[in-house]
Amino acid sequence: MTSTLFSSNLSSTFFPTKNLHRIRIPATSIPGGFNIRARRSKIVAKSLNLPLLPFSMSEVLVPTESKTLHLYEARYLALLEESMKRKKNMFVHFILDPISISETATEASFAARYGCLVFIENVERLDVGALVSIRGAGRVKISRFLGADPYLSGEVRPIQDRVNYESSNELTSKISQLKESIKNLNSLEIKLKAPADSPLQTRLINSLNWAEDEPAVEFDESFLPSLQERLSFSALQPISGSTKSELSRLQQEKLKAMDMKDTIERLELSMGLIKENISSIAAKLAIQSLDIR
């Protein structure tokens, strides 16, 4: 199935298969040609200058989430080499969102939203391009764009949750509940006979494990969310056999989670999603046991 990645002069397509996204983005000179605005953030912290890879609103990436990209255009292979050789295997996955397009407008206006700092976990070289496995680490704000040739680059700053020390006991309790629920859901999921093109049945547990272990890379610690914040994102993964409506619901929950600044609020959102997924998988297992197709 083909999906449009961008509109207007940034029109492009990618072709998803399972957890694979084929990226093709034309070499449009964005600075000077479009009005791109980064979201405001109250966070004042150190900044990093990193390559930026834009996606459509349907492709938001949250911390702890993994994704595999097929990069084959020259400018994105250059982004890959820059990230690996000079940026400690890091770049930024962000959403380029059209925010002001009218019949009388002479040019499109876009906002840079939902930036996620990512680590490159694995690269498989192909005859054409490379398969690149990435992992979301933490949310970032794009402060300003620095260039577009041969790829987008920008200055980014970390976005992290507010810390409320008075809620530490409640936070600990909700973290324990979430971890137990994720493990219960994963136990159910691996029993399900899912189609071959369904998401991997280990994505939930892999995200949980990654959240609990600090990444073994050298970078500014202000960009790595707290353990509690990382865990609050770990449940936001697709499960095997998800319907279109379930995937659409997950997308909306991911957008909400990225906007939240309160860890407990995000944990409650994640628990609600996990409970729904447990009910959905249990129902599918019941049908599977009856061999109803």
C-alpha atoms as a PDB file:
ATOM      1  CA  MET A   1       0.000   0.000   0.000  1.00  0.00           C
ATOM      2  CA  THR A   2       1.381   3.428  -0.979  1.00  0.00           C
ATOM      3  CA  SER A   3       1.032   6.331   1.423  1.00  0.00           C
ATOM      4  CA  THR A   4       1.754  10.009   0.834  1.00  0.00           C
ATOM      5  CA  LEU A   5       4.541  11.251   3.076  1.00  0.00           C
ATOM      6  CA  PHE A   6       4.304  14.977   2.393  1.00  0.00           C
ATOM      7  CA  SER A   7       2.074  17.346   0.442  1.00  0.00           C
ATOM      8  CA  SER A   8       2.642  20.476  -1.638  1.00  0.00           C
ATOM      9  CA  ASN A   9       6.188  20.767  -3.047  1.00  0.00           C
ATOM     10  CA  LEU A  10       7.371  18.189  -0.521  1.00  0.00           C
ATOM     11  CA  SER A  11       5.196  15.480  -2.058  1.00  0.00           C
ATOM     12  CA  SER A  12       6.786  12.053  -1.678  1.00  0.00           C
ATOM     13  CA  THR A  13       5.889   8.438  -0.915  1.00  0.00           C
ATOM     14  CA  PHE A  14       7.050   5.485   1.127  1.00  0.00           C
ATOM     15  CA  PHE A  15       6.064   1.833   0.960  1.00  0.00           C
ATOM     16  CA  PRO A  16       5.644   0.126   4.358  1.00  0.00           C
ATOM     17  CA  THR A  17       6.052  -3.629   4.697  1.00  0.00           C
ATOM     18  CA  LYS A  18       5.827  -4.966   8.232  1.00  0.00           C
ATOM     19  CA  ASN A  19       8.200  -2.779  10.286  1.00  0.00           C
ATOM     20  CA  LEU A  20       9.975  -1.417   7.183  1.00  0.00           C
ATOM     21  CA  HIS A  21       9.572   2.067   5.725  1.00  0.00           C
ATOM     22  CA  ARG A  22      11.038   2.948   2.333  1.00  0.00           C
ATOM     23  CA  ILE A  23      11.891   6.637   2.321  1.00  0.00           C
ATOM     24  CA  ARG A  24      12.084   8.886  -0.732  1.00  0.00           C
ATOM     25  CA  ILE A  25      12.181  12.638  -0.156  1.00  0.00           C
ATOM     26  CA  PRO A  26      13.027  15.064  -2.985  1.00  0.00           C
ATOM     27  CA  ALA A  27      15.947  17.478  -2.576  1.00  0.00           C
ATOM     28  CA  THR A  28      13.758  20.541  -2.057  1.00  0.00           C
ATOM     29  CA  SER A  29      15.601  23.512  -0.530  1.00  0.00           C
ATOM     30  CA  ILE A  30      13.368  24.009   2.492  1.00  0.00           C
ATOM     31  CA  PRO A  31      15.018  27.023   4.225  1.00  0.00           C
ATOM     32  CA  GLY A  32      14.055  30.081   2.181  1.00  0.00           C
ATOM     33  CA  GLY A  33      11.331  28.228   0.311  1.00  0.00           C
ATOM     34  CA  PHE A  34       8.990  27.387   3.190  1.00  0.00           C
ATOM     35  CA  ASN A  35       8.090  28.823   6.550  1.00  0.00           C
ATOM     36  CA  ILE A  36       9.037  26.019   8.974  1.00  0.00           C
ATOM     37  CA  ARG A  37       8.367  26.664  12.652  1.00  0.00           C
ATOM     38  CA  ALA A  38       9.494  24.498  15.550  1.00  0.00           C
ATOM     39  CA  ARG A  39       7.192  24.039  18.545  1.00  0.00           C
ATOM     40  CA  ARG A  40       7.892  26.164  21.596  1.00  0.00           C
ATOM     41  CA  SER A  41       9.279  24.567  24.715  1.00  0.00           C
ATOM     42  CA  LYS A  42       9.988  25.889  28.207  1.00  0.00           C
ATOM     43  CA  ILE A  43      13.036  23.640  28.474  1.00  0.00           C
ATOM     44  CA  VAL A  44      16.332  25.547  28.537  1.00  0.00           C
ATOM     45  CA  ALA A  45      19.229  23.146  28.143  1.00  0.00           C
ATOM     46  CA  LYS A  46      22.259  22.319  26.088  1.00  0.00           C
ATOM     47  CA  SER A  47      21.771  21.911  22.373  1.00  0.00           C
ATOM     48  CA  LEU A  48      23.024  19.495  19.730  1.00  0.00           C
ATOM     49  CA  ASN A  49      23.460  20.096  16.004  1.00  0.00           C
ATOM     50  CA  LEU A  50      22.127  16.985  14.265  1.00  0.00           C
ATOM     51  CA  PRO A  51      20.837  15.697  10.926  1.00  0.00           C
ATOM     52  CA  LEU A  52      17.026  15.765  10.681  1.00  0.00           C
ATOM     53  CA  LEU A  53      14.822  13.215   8.913  1.00  0.00           C
ATOM     54  CA  PRO A  54      11.201  14.361   8.303  1.00  0.00           C
ATOM     55  CA  PHE A  55       8.093  12.157   8.211  1.00  0.00           C
ATOM     56  CA  SER A  56       4.332  12.610   7.838  1.00  0.00           C
ATOM     57  CA  MET A  57       1.892  12.980  10.744  1.00  0.00           C
ATOM     58  CA  SER A  58       1.039   9.262  10.556  1.00  0.00           C
ATOM     59  CA  GLU A  59       4.646   8.307  11.318  1.00  0.00           C
ATOM     60  CA  VAL A  60       5.315   9.797  14.765  1.00  0.00           C
ATOM     61  CA  LEU A  61       8.059   7.923  16.660  1.00  0.00           C
ATOM     62  CA  VAL A  62       8.043   7.803  20.482  1.00  0.00           C
ATOM     63  CA  PRO A  63      10.965   7.160  22.847  1.00  0.00           C
ATOM     64  CA  THR A  64      11.744   3.410  23.285  1.00  0.00           C
ATOM     65  CA  GLU A  65      10.096   2.607  19.922  1.00  0.00           C
ATOM     66  CA  SER A  66      12.094   0.875  17.178  1.00  0.00           C
ATOM     67  CA  LYS A  67      11.762   1.256  13.430  1.00  0.00           C
ATOM     68  CA  THR A  68      13.652   0.002  10.375  1.00  0.00           C
ATOM     69  CA  LEU A  69      14.231   2.392   7.465  1.00  0.00           C
ATOM     70  CA  HIS A  70      15.319   1.632   3.915  1.00  0.00           C
ATOM     71  CA  LEU A  71      17.454   4.619   2.941  1.00  0.00           C
ATOM     72  CA  TYR A  72      18.552   4.628  -0.691  1.00  0.00           C
ATOM     73  CA  GLU A  73      18.576   8.237  -1.900  1.00  0.00           C
ATOM     74  CA  ALA A  74      22.045   9.810  -2.028  1.00  0.00           C
ATOM     75  CA  ARG A  75      21.167  12.648   0.338  1.00  0.00           C
ATOM     76  CA  TYR A  76      19.870  10.259   3.001  1.00  0.00           C
ATOM     77  CA  LEU A  77      22.819   7.944   2.663  1.00  0.00           C
ATOM     78  CA  ALA A  78      24.907  11.080   3.290  1.00  0.00           C
ATOM     79  CA  LEU A  79      22.776  11.727   6.410  1.00  0.00           C
ATOM     80  CA  LEU A  80      23.479   8.174   7.542  1.00  0.00           C
ATOM     81  CA  GLU A  81      27.240   8.546   7.082  1.00  0.00           C
ATOM     82  CA  GLU A  82      27.277  11.877   8.940  1.00  0.00           C
ATOM     83  CA  SER A  83      25.296  10.383  11.822  1.00  0.00           C
ATOM     84  CA  MET A  84      27.586   7.378  12.123  1.00  0.00           C
ATOM     85  CA  LYS A  85      30.943   9.102  11.666  1.00  0.00           C
ATOM     86  CA  ARG A  86      30.505  12.451  13.424  1.00  0.00           C
ATOM     87  CA  LYS A  87      27.238  12.406  15.396  1.00  0.00           C
ATOM     88  CA  LYS A  88      27.714   9.313  17.609  1.00  0.00           C
ATOM     89  CA  ASN A  89      25.079   7.306  15.667  1.00  0.00           C
ATOM     90  CA  MET A  90      22.369   9.904  16.312  1.00  0.00           C
ATOM     91  CA  PHE A  91      19.909  11.943  14.250  1.00  0.00           C
ATOM     92  CA  VAL A  92      16.413  13.354  14.756  1.00  0.00           C
ATOM     93  CA  HIS A  93      13.163  11.799  13.502  1.00  0.00           C
ATOM     94  CA  PHE A  94      10.501  14.528  13.312  1.00  0.00           C
ATOM     95  CA  ILE A  95       7.094  15.302  11.850  1.00  0.00           C
ATOM     96  CA  LEU A  96       6.781  17.953   9.147  1.00  0.00           C
ATOM     97  CA  ASP A  97       3.188  19.079   9.562  1.00  0.00           C
ATOM     98  CA  PRO A  98       1.384  21.386   7.081  1.00  0.00           C
ATOM     99  CA  ILE A  99      -0.271  24.047   9.247  1.00  0.00           C
ATOM    100  CA  SER A 100      -1.315  26.847   6.899  1.00  0.00           C
ATOM    101  CA  ILE A 101      -2.333  26.108   3.349  1.00  0.00           C
ATOM    102  CA  SER A 102      -5.054  28.260   1.771  1.00  0.00           C
ATOM    103  CA  GLU A 103      -6.302  28.877  -1.753  1.00  0.00           C
ATOM    104  CA  THR A 104      -4.722  32.329  -1.762  1.00  0.00           C
ATOM    105  CA  ALA A 105      -1.362  31.281  -0.286  1.00  0.00           C
ATOM    106  CA  THR A 106       1.623  31.347  -2.620  1.00  0.00           C
ATOM    107  CA  GLU A 107       3.698  28.947  -0.547  1.00  0.00           C
ATOM    108  CA  ALA A 108       3.087  26.220   2.012  1.00  0.00           C
ATOM    109  CA  SER A 109       3.733  26.667   5.730  1.00  0.00           C
ATOM    110  CA  PHE A 110       4.944  23.760   7.849  1.00  0.00           C
ATOM    111  CA  ALA A 111       5.634  23.179  11.532  1.00  0.00           C
ATOM    112  CA  ALA A 112       8.318  20.867  12.911  1.00  0.00           C
ATOM    113  CA  ARG A 113       6.618  18.710  15.535  1.00  0.00           C
ATOM    114  CA  TYR A 114       7.204  15.631  17.675  1.00  0.00           C
ATOM    115  CA  GLY A 115      10.969  15.505  17.325  1.00  0.00           C
ATOM    116  CA  CYS A 116      12.533  12.319  18.656  1.00  0.00           C
ATOM    117  CA  LEU A 117      16.277  11.818  19.090  1.00  0.00           C
ATOM    118  CA  VAL A 118      17.154   8.379  17.732  1.00  0.00           C
ATOM    119  CA  PHE A 119      20.111   6.015  17.983  1.00  0.00           C
ATOM    120  CA  ILE A 120      21.200   3.909  15.038  1.00  0.00           C
ATOM    121  CA  GLU A 121      21.208   0.340  16.376  1.00  0.00           C
ATOM    122  CA  ASN A 122      22.140  -1.561  13.219  1.00  0.00           C
ATOM    123  CA  VAL A 123      22.960  -0.938   9.566  1.00  0.00           C
ATOM    124  CA  GLU A 124      22.692  -3.562   6.836  1.00  0.00           C
ATOM    125  CA  ARG A 125      24.260  -2.492   3.554  1.00  0.00           C
ATOM    126  CA  LEU A 126      22.306  -3.449   0.433  1.00  0.00           C
ATOM    127  CA  ASP A 127      22.972  -3.341  -3.285  1.00  0.00           C
ATOM    128  CA  VAL A 128      20.710  -0.283  -3.284  1.00  0.00           C
ATOM    129  CA  GLY A 129      20.986   1.753  -0.103  1.00  0.00           C
ATOM    130  CA  ALA A 130      20.875   0.375   3.434  1.00  0.00           C
ATOM    131  CA  LEU A 131      18.460  -0.989   6.021  1.00  0.00           C
ATOM    132  CA  VAL A 132      18.835   1.137   9.147  1.00  0.00           C
ATOM    133  CA  SER A 133      17.407   0.050  12.508  1.00  0.00           C
ATOM    134  CA  ILE A 134      16.762   2.991  14.836  1.00  0.00           C
ATOM    135  CA  ARG A 135      15.523   3.384  18.409  1.00  0.00           C
ATOM    136  CA  GLY A 136      13.752   6.457  19.798  1.00  0.00           C
ATOM    137  CA  ALA A 137      15.600   7.838  22.832  1.00  0.00           C
ATOM    138  CA  GLY A 138      13.967  11.081  23.937  1.00  0.00           C
ATOM    139  CA  ARG A 139      11.864  14.009  22.801  1.00  0.00           C
ATOM    140  CA  VAL A 140      13.545  17.090  21.358  1.00  0.00           C
ATOM    141  CA  LYS A 141      12.562  20.538  20.149  1.00  0.00           C
ATOM    142  CA  ILE A 142      14.053  21.797  16.898  1.00  0.00           C
ATOM    143  CA  SER A 143      15.245  25.281  17.857  1.00  0.00           C
ATOM    144  CA  ARG A 144      16.360  26.300  14.384  1.00  0.00           C
ATOM    145  CA  PHE A 145      17.192  24.859  10.991  1.00  0.00           C
ATOM    146  CA  LEU A 146      20.838  25.078   9.957  1.00  0.00           C
ATOM    147  CA  GLY A 147      20.787  23.801   6.390  1.00  0.00           C
ATOM    148  CA  ALA A 148      19.191  21.598   3.748  1.00  0.00           C
ATOM    149  CA  ASP A 149      22.078  20.523   1.523  1.00  0.00           C
ATOM    150  CA  PRO A 150      22.482  17.618   1.113  1.00  0.00           C
ATOM    151  CA  TYR A 151      19.960  16.926   3.932  1.00  0.00           C
ATOM    152  CA  LEU A 152      18.159  18.866   6.656  1.00  0.00           C
ATOM    153  CA  SER A 153      20.129  19.677   9.788  1.00  0.00           C
ATOM    154  CA  GLY A 154      19.255  21.693  12.852  1.00  0.00           C
ATOM    155  CA  GLU A 155      19.893  22.674  16.433  1.00  0.00           C
ATOM    156  CA  VAL A 156      17.830  20.647  18.911  1.00  0.00           C
ATOM    157  CA  ARG A 157      17.184  20.861  22.651  1.00  0.00           C
ATOM    158  CA  PRO A 158      15.749  18.187  24.981  1.00  0.00           C
ATOM    159  CA  ILE A 159      12.132  18.085  26.154  1.00  0.00           C
ATOM    160  CA  GLN A 160      11.470  16.202  29.380  1.00  0.00           C
ATOM    161  CA  ASP A 161       8.642  15.777  31.859  1.00  0.00           C
ATOM    162  CA  ARG A 162       8.185  18.015  34.867  1.00  0.00           C
ATOM    163  CA  VAL A 163       9.459  16.442  38.082  1.00  0.00           C
ATOM    164  CA  ASN A 164       6.992  16.202  40.982  1.00  0.00           C
ATOM    165  CA  TYR A 165       8.780  14.704  43.958  1.00  0.00           C
ATOM    166  CA  GLU A 166       5.558  14.645  46.023  1.00  0.00           C
ATOM    167  CA  SER A 167       4.151  11.983  43.678  1.00  0.00           C
ATOM    168  CA  SER A 168       7.076   9.549  43.978  1.00  0.00           C
ATOM    169  CA  ASN A 169       5.052   6.823  45.738  1.00  0.00           C
ATOM    170  CA  GLU A 170       2.212   7.028  43.207  1.00  0.00           C
ATOM    171  CA  LEU A 171       4.741   7.006  40.375  1.00  0.00           C
ATOM    172  CA  THR A 172       6.471   3.882  41.724  1.00  0.00           C
ATOM    173  CA  SER A 173       3.134   2.098  42.063  1.00  0.00           C
ATOM    174  CA  LYS A 174       1.999   2.954  38.530  1.00  0.00           C
ATOM    175  CA  ILE A 175       5.365   1.932  37.074  1.00  0.00           C
ATOM    176  CA  SER A 176       5.056  -1.497  38.727  1.00  0.00           C
ATOM    177  CA  GLN A 177       1.504  -1.922  37.405  1.00  0.00           C
ATOM    178  CA  LEU A 178       2.560  -0.944  33.886  1.00  0.00           C
ATOM    179  CA  LYS A 179       5.517  -3.337  33.793  1.00  0.00           C
ATOM    180  CA  GLU A 180       3.380  -6.241  35.018  1.00  0.00           C
ATOM    181  CA  SER A 181       0.636  -5.422  32.497  1.00  0.00           C
ATOM    182  CA  ILE A 182       3.095  -5.234  29.589  1.00  0.00           C
ATOM    183  CA  LYS A 183       4.509  -8.639  30.510  1.00  0.00           C
ATOM    184  CA  ASN A 184       0.983 -10.103  30.759  1.00  0.00           C
ATOM    185  CA  LEU A 185       0.057  -8.661  27.368  1.00  0.00           C
ATOM    186  CA  ASN A 186       3.261  -9.977  25.802  1.00  0.00           C
ATOM    187  CA  SER A 187       2.560 -13.471  27.168  1.00  0.00           C
ATOM    188  CA  LEU A 188      -0.845 -13.389  25.498  1.00  0.00           C
ATOM    189  CA  GLU A 189       0.464 -11.888  22.274  1.00  0.00           C
ATOM    190  CA  ILE A 190       3.056 -14.584  21.609  1.00  0.00           C
ATOM    191  CA  LYS A 191       0.282 -17.202  21.749  1.00  0.00           C
ATOM    192  CA  LEU A 192      -1.563 -15.502  18.914  1.00  0.00           C
ATOM    193  CA  LYS A 193      -1.232 -16.862  15.382  1.00  0.00           C
ATOM    194  CA  ALA A 194      -0.687 -13.549  13.635  1.00  0.00           C
ATOM    195  CA  PRO A 195      -0.360 -12.872   9.886  1.00  0.00           C
ATOM    196  CA  ALA A 196       3.184 -12.777   8.525  1.00  0.00           C
ATOM    197  CA  ASP A 197       2.986  -9.028   7.879  1.00  0.00           C
ATOM    198  CA  SER A 198       1.917  -8.188  11.452  1.00  0.00           C
ATOM    199  CA  PRO A 199       4.266  -6.302  13.787  1.00  0.00           C
ATOM    200  CA  LEU A 200       6.805  -8.455  15.607  1.00  0.00           C
ATOM    201  CA  GLN A 201       5.400 -10.057  18.748  1.00  0.00           C
ATOM    202  CA  THR A 202       8.401  -8.936  20.803  1.00  0.00           C
ATOM    203  CA  ARG A 203       8.144  -5.183  20.218  1.00  0.00           C
ATOM    204  CA  LEU A 204       6.448  -4.464  23.547  1.00  0.00           C
ATOM    205  CA  ILE A 205       8.917  -6.401  25.647  1.00  0.00           C
ATOM    206  CA  ASN A 206      11.873  -5.067  23.650  1.00  0.00           C
ATOM    207  CA  SER A 207      10.765  -1.494  24.324  1.00  0.00           C
ATOM    208  CA  LEU A 208      10.304  -2.274  28.008  1.00  0.00           C
ATOM    209  CA  ASN A 209      13.772  -3.825  28.233  1.00  0.00           C
ATOM    210  CA  TRP A 210      15.353  -0.879  26.417  1.00  0.00           C
ATOM    211  CA  ALA A 211      13.591   1.586  28.715  1.00  0.00           C
ATOM    212  CA  GLU A 212      14.973  -0.166  31.802  1.00  0.00           C
ATOM    213  CA  ASP A 213      18.566  -0.178  30.513  1.00  0.00           C
ATOM    214  CA  GLU A 214      20.359   3.106  29.920  1.00  0.00           C
ATOM    215  CA  PRO A 215      21.870   3.080  26.400  1.00  0.00           C
ATOM    216  CA  ALA A 216      25.597   2.358  26.263  1.00  0.00           C
ATOM    217  CA  VAL A 217      26.455   5.429  24.188  1.00  0.00           C
ATOM    218  CA  GLU A 218      28.236   8.687  24.918  1.00  0.00           C
ATOM    219  CA  PHE A 219      26.095  11.786  24.632  1.00  0.00           C
ATOM    220  CA  ASP A 220      24.739  14.651  26.719  1.00  0.00           C
ATOM    221  CA  GLU A 221      22.702  13.055  29.536  1.00  0.00           C
ATOM    222  CA  SER A 222      20.209  15.935  29.467  1.00  0.00           C
ATOM    223  CA  PHE A 223      18.836  14.381  26.271  1.00  0.00           C
ATOM    224  CA  LEU A 224      18.030  11.037  27.940  1.00  0.00           C
ATOM    225  CA  PRO A 225      14.669  11.013  29.777  1.00  0.00           C
ATOM    226  CA  SER A 226      14.412   9.613  33.286  1.00  0.00           C
ATOM    227  CA  LEU A 227      13.769   5.893  33.764  1.00  0.00           C
ATOM    228  CA  GLN A 228      10.147   6.619  34.729  1.00  0.00           C
ATOM    229  CA  GLU A 229       9.575   8.752  31.633  1.00  0.00           C
ATOM    230  CA  ARG A 230      11.107   6.121  29.343  1.00  0.00           C
ATOM    231  CA  LEU A 231       8.916   3.411  30.869  1.00  0.00           C
ATOM    232  CA  SER A 232       5.796   5.544  30.396  1.00  0.00           C
ATOM    233  CA  PHE A 233       6.361   5.417  26.610  1.00  0.00           C
ATOM    234  CA  SER A 234       7.179   1.702  26.372  1.00  0.00           C
ATOM    235  CA  ALA A 235       3.566   0.497  26.062  1.00  0.00           C
ATOM    236  CA  LEU A 236       2.890   2.583  22.944  1.00  0.00           C
ATOM    237  CA  GLN A 237       3.629  -0.189  20.452  1.00  0.00           C
ATOM    238  CA  PRO A 238       1.464  -1.947  17.857  1.00  0.00           C
ATOM    239  CA  ILE A 239       0.460  -5.499  18.685  1.00  0.00           C
ATOM    240  CA  SER A 240       0.059  -8.499  16.407  1.00  0.00           C
ATOM    241  CA  GLY A 241      -3.145  -8.649  14.405  1.00  0.00           C
ATOM    242  CA  SER A 242      -3.996  -4.976  14.984  1.00  0.00           C
ATOM    243  CA  THR A 243      -6.900  -3.709  12.905  1.00  0.00           C
ATOM    244  CA  LYS A 244      -6.796  -0.396  11.037  1.00  0.00           C
ATOM    245  CA  SER A 245      -8.945   1.188  13.726  1.00  0.00           C
ATOM    246  CA  GLU A 246      -6.637  -0.115  16.473  1.00  0.00           C
ATOM    247  CA  LEU A 247      -3.571   1.247  14.676  1.00  0.00           C
ATOM    248  CA  SER A 248      -5.341   4.577  14.198  1.00  0.00           C
ATOM    249  CA  ARG A 249      -6.170   4.670  17.909  1.00  0.00           C
ATOM    250  CA  LEU A 250      -2.524   3.903  18.757  1.00  0.00           C
ATOM    251  CA  GLN A 251      -1.398   6.778  16.547  1.00  0.00           C
ATOM    252  CA  GLN A 252      -3.650   9.203  18.424  1.00  0.00           C
ATOM    253  CA  GLU A 253      -2.409   7.922  21.790  1.00  0.00           C
ATOM    254  CA  LYS A 254       1.201   8.380  20.661  1.00  0.00           C
ATOM    255  CA  LEU A 255       0.502  11.987  19.687  1.00  0.00           C
ATOM    256  CA  LYS A 256      -1.073  12.631  23.103  1.00  0.00           C
ATOM    257  CA  ALA A 257       1.844  10.971  24.873  1.00  0.00           C
ATOM    258  CA  MET A 258       4.383  13.115  23.022  1.00  0.00           C
ATOM    259  CA  ASP A 259       2.536  16.291  24.076  1.00  0.00           C
ATOM    260  CA  MET A 260       2.259  15.339  27.757  1.00  0.00           C
ATOM    261  CA  LYS A 261       4.665  16.780  30.331  1.00  0.00           C
ATOM    262  CA  ASP A 262       3.459  14.688  33.288  1.00  0.00           C
ATOM    263  CA  THR A 263       4.803  11.129  33.643  1.00  0.00           C
ATOM    264  CA  ILE A 264       1.875   9.903  35.766  1.00  0.00           C
ATOM    265  CA  GLU A 265      -0.623  11.201  33.209  1.00  0.00           C
ATOM    266  CA  ARG A 266       1.216   9.322  30.450  1.00  0.00           C
ATOM    267  CA  LEU A 267       1.369   6.150  32.559  1.00  0.00           C
ATOM    268  CA  GLU A 268      -2.410   6.298  32.984  1.00  0.00           C
ATOM    269  CA  LEU A 269      -2.841   6.719  29.226  1.00  0.00           C
ATOM    270  CA  SER A 270      -0.537   3.746  28.606  1.00  0.00           C
ATOM    271  CA  MET A 271      -2.358   1.565  31.130  1.00  0.00           C
ATOM    272  CA  GLY A 272      -5.662   2.287  29.421  1.00  0.00           C
ATOM    273  CA  LEU A 273      -4.186   1.239  26.084  1.00  0.00           C
ATOM    274  CA  ILE A 274      -2.659  -1.933  27.563  1.00  0.00           C
ATOM    275  CA  LYS A 275      -5.992  -2.962  29.115  1.00  0.00           C
ATOM    276  CA  GLU A 276      -7.755  -2.532  25.758  1.00  0.00           C
ATOM    277  CA  ASN A 277      -5.051  -4.549  24.007  1.00  0.00           C
ATOM    278  CA  ILE A 278      -5.287  -7.357  26.577  1.00  0.00           C
ATOM    279  CA  SER A 279      -9.036  -7.574  25.976  1.00  0.00           C
ATOM    280  CA  SER A 280      -8.519  -7.522  22.202  1.00  0.00           C
ATOM    281  CA  ILE A 281      -5.850 -10.259  22.240  1.00  0.00           C
ATOM    282  CA  ALA A 282      -7.893 -12.394  24.650  1.00  0.00           C
ATOM    283  CA  ALA A 283     -10.879 -12.188  22.310  1.00  0.00           C
ATOM    284  CA  LYS A 284      -8.734 -13.121  19.291  1.00  0.00           C
ATOM    285  CA  LEU A 285      -7.257 -16.067  21.191  1.00  0.00           C
ATOM    286  CA  ALA A 286     -10.757 -17.271  22.063  1.00  0.00           C
ATOM    287  CA  ILE A 287     -11.751 -17.144  18.387  1.00  0.00           C
ATOM    288  CA  GLN A 288      -8.481 -18.836  17.429  1.00  0.00           C
ATOM    289  CA  SER A 289      -9.181 -21.700  19.869  1.00  0.00           C
ATOM    290  CA  LEU A 290     -12.492 -22.304  18.102  1.00  0.00           C
ATOM    291  CA  ASP A 291     -10.663 -22.298  14.769  1.00  0.00           C
ATOM    292  CA  ILE A 292     -13.060 -19.654  13.418  1.00  0.00           C
ATOM    293  CA  ARG A 293     -11.626 -17.852  10.399  1.00  0.00           C
END
